[in-house]
Amino acid sequence: MFDLVITRVLITKLTLTIEDTVIDSAKKYARQKGKSLCDIVENYLKSILQ
C-alpha cells in the first residue's frame, strides 16, 4: 500500500533594495553557476536559517 503525500509550497515575491554593483556581481555569479539569482538568494537564506 502507498501513502500519498501532497505538499503545497507557497511562493511570495519580495522586493529588495540593493546596490547596483552588488546586483551586477550577483547576477554574474549566478550565471557562472548556471542558476538564477532567485535560486542563489533563496538557497543562501535557507542555509543561514537552518
N, C-alpha and C. Protein backbone atom coordinates (compact mmCIF):
# COMPACT_ATOMS: atom_id res chain seq x y z
N MET A 1 0.84 -1.17 0.00
CA MET A 1 0.00 0.00 0.00
C MET A 1 0.89 1.25 0.00
N PHE A 2 0.47 2.27 -0.71
CA PHE A 2 1.23 3.51 -0.80
C PHE A 2 0.46 4.64 -0.14
N ASP A 3 1.19 5.50 0.52
CA ASP A 3 0.59 6.71 1.09
C ASP A 3 0.89 7.87 0.15
N LEU A 4 -0.10 8.67 -0.12
CA LEU A 4 0.07 9.83 -0.98
C LEU A 4 0.24 11.05 -0.09
N VAL A 5 1.37 11.74 -0.28
CA VAL A 5 1.64 12.95 0.49
C VAL A 5 1.73 14.11 -0.49
N ILE A 6 0.90 15.10 -0.28
CA ILE A 6 0.91 16.28 -1.14
C ILE A 6 1.38 17.46 -0.30
N THR A 7 2.41 18.12 -0.77
CA THR A 7 2.94 19.28 -0.08
C THR A 7 2.75 20.51 -0.95
N ARG A 8 2.16 21.53 -0.38
CA ARG A 8 1.99 22.78 -1.11
C ARG A 8 3.08 23.74 -0.69
N VAL A 9 3.71 24.36 -1.67
CA VAL A 9 4.73 25.36 -1.39
C VAL A 9 4.20 26.69 -1.91
N LEU A 10 4.10 27.64 -1.02
CA LEU A 10 3.65 28.97 -1.41
C LEU A 10 4.86 29.81 -1.78
N ILE A 11 4.76 30.52 -2.86
CA ILE A 11 5.86 31.37 -3.31
C ILE A 11 5.41 32.82 -3.23
N THR A 12 6.25 33.66 -2.64
CA THR A 12 5.93 35.07 -2.46
C THR A 12 7.01 35.91 -3.12
N LYS A 13 6.58 36.95 -3.82
CA LYS A 13 7.54 37.88 -4.42
C LYS A 13 8.07 38.80 -3.33
N LEU A 14 9.34 39.20 -3.47
CA LEU A 14 9.98 40.05 -2.47
C LEU A 14 10.76 41.13 -3.19
N THR A 15 10.63 42.35 -2.75
CA THR A 15 11.38 43.46 -3.33
C THR A 15 12.48 43.85 -2.35
N LEU A 16 13.72 43.90 -2.84
CA LEU A 16 14.86 44.28 -2.02
C LEU A 16 15.54 45.50 -2.63
N THR A 17 16.11 46.34 -1.79
CA THR A 17 16.89 47.47 -2.26
C THR A 17 18.36 47.13 -2.02
N ILE A 18 19.09 46.96 -3.14
CA ILE A 18 20.49 46.52 -3.08
C ILE A 18 21.29 47.38 -4.05
N GLU A 19 22.53 47.70 -3.70
CA GLU A 19 23.40 48.49 -4.56
C GLU A 19 23.53 47.85 -5.93
N ASP A 20 23.56 48.67 -6.97
CA ASP A 20 23.67 48.17 -8.35
C ASP A 20 24.89 47.29 -8.55
N THR A 21 26.01 47.68 -7.96
CA THR A 21 27.24 46.89 -8.16
C THR A 21 27.11 45.50 -7.55
N VAL A 22 26.40 45.42 -6.43
CA VAL A 22 26.19 44.12 -5.78
C VAL A 22 25.29 43.25 -6.66
N ILE A 23 24.24 43.84 -7.19
CA ILE A 23 23.32 43.10 -8.05
C ILE A 23 24.04 42.61 -9.30
N ASP A 24 24.82 43.47 -9.93
CA ASP A 24 25.56 43.08 -11.13
C ASP A 24 26.51 41.92 -10.85
N SER A 25 27.23 42.00 -9.75
CA SER A 25 28.15 40.91 -9.38
C SER A 25 27.40 39.63 -9.05
N ALA A 26 26.28 39.76 -8.37
CA ALA A 26 25.48 38.58 -8.01
C ALA A 26 24.90 37.91 -9.25
N LYS A 27 24.45 38.71 -10.21
CA LYS A 27 23.92 38.15 -11.46
C LYS A 27 25.02 37.41 -12.22
N LYS A 28 26.21 37.98 -12.25
CA LYS A 28 27.34 37.34 -12.92
C LYS A 28 27.66 36.01 -12.23
N TYR A 29 27.70 36.02 -10.91
CA TYR A 29 27.96 34.81 -10.14
C TYR A 29 26.92 33.74 -10.44
N ALA A 30 25.65 34.14 -10.46
CA ALA A 30 24.56 33.20 -10.73
C ALA A 30 24.69 32.60 -12.13
N ARG A 31 25.00 33.43 -13.13
CA ARG A 31 25.20 32.92 -14.49
C ARG A 31 26.33 31.90 -14.55
N GLN A 32 27.42 32.20 -13.86
CA GLN A 32 28.57 31.28 -13.84
C GLN A 32 28.20 29.94 -13.21
N LYS A 33 27.30 29.97 -12.26
CA LYS A 33 26.87 28.74 -11.57
C LYS A 33 25.72 28.06 -12.30
N GLY A 34 25.18 28.71 -13.34
CA GLY A 34 24.06 28.13 -14.08
C GLY A 34 22.76 28.16 -13.30
N LYS A 35 22.62 29.16 -12.44
CA LYS A 35 21.43 29.28 -11.60
C LYS A 35 20.85 30.68 -11.75
N SER A 36 19.61 30.83 -11.32
CA SER A 36 19.02 32.17 -11.30
C SER A 36 19.44 32.88 -10.02
N LEU A 37 19.36 34.19 -10.06
CA LEU A 37 19.69 34.96 -8.86
C LEU A 37 18.70 34.63 -7.74
N CYS A 38 17.46 34.40 -8.10
CA CYS A 38 16.46 33.99 -7.10
C CYS A 38 16.87 32.70 -6.40
N ASP A 39 17.36 31.72 -7.18
CA ASP A 39 17.81 30.46 -6.59
C ASP A 39 18.97 30.68 -5.63
N ILE A 40 19.92 31.53 -6.03
CA ILE A 40 21.09 31.81 -5.19
C ILE A 40 20.64 32.43 -3.87
N VAL A 41 19.77 33.44 -3.95
CA VAL A 41 19.31 34.13 -2.74
C VAL A 41 18.50 33.19 -1.85
N GLU A 42 17.59 32.42 -2.46
CA GLU A 42 16.77 31.50 -1.67
C GLU A 42 17.63 30.45 -0.97
N ASN A 43 18.58 29.87 -1.69
CA ASN A 43 19.44 28.86 -1.07
C ASN A 43 20.31 29.44 0.03
N TYR A 44 20.78 30.68 -0.16
CA TYR A 44 21.56 31.33 0.89
C TYR A 44 20.70 31.53 2.15
N LEU A 45 19.50 32.05 1.96
CA LEU A 45 18.63 32.27 3.10
C LEU A 45 18.31 30.96 3.83
N LYS A 46 18.04 29.91 3.06
CA LYS A 46 17.79 28.61 3.68
C LYS A 46 18.99 28.14 4.49
N SER A 47 20.20 28.36 3.96
CA SER A 47 21.41 27.89 4.65
C SER A 47 21.65 28.61 5.96
N ILE A 48 21.32 29.90 6.04
CA ILE A 48 21.56 30.62 7.30
C ILE A 48 20.43 30.42 8.30
N LEU A 49 19.30 29.90 7.84
CA LEU A 49 18.17 29.71 8.75
C LEU A 49 18.10 28.30 9.32
N GLN A 50 18.99 27.44 8.91
CA GLN A 50 18.98 26.06 9.42
C GLN A 50 19.62 25.96 10.77
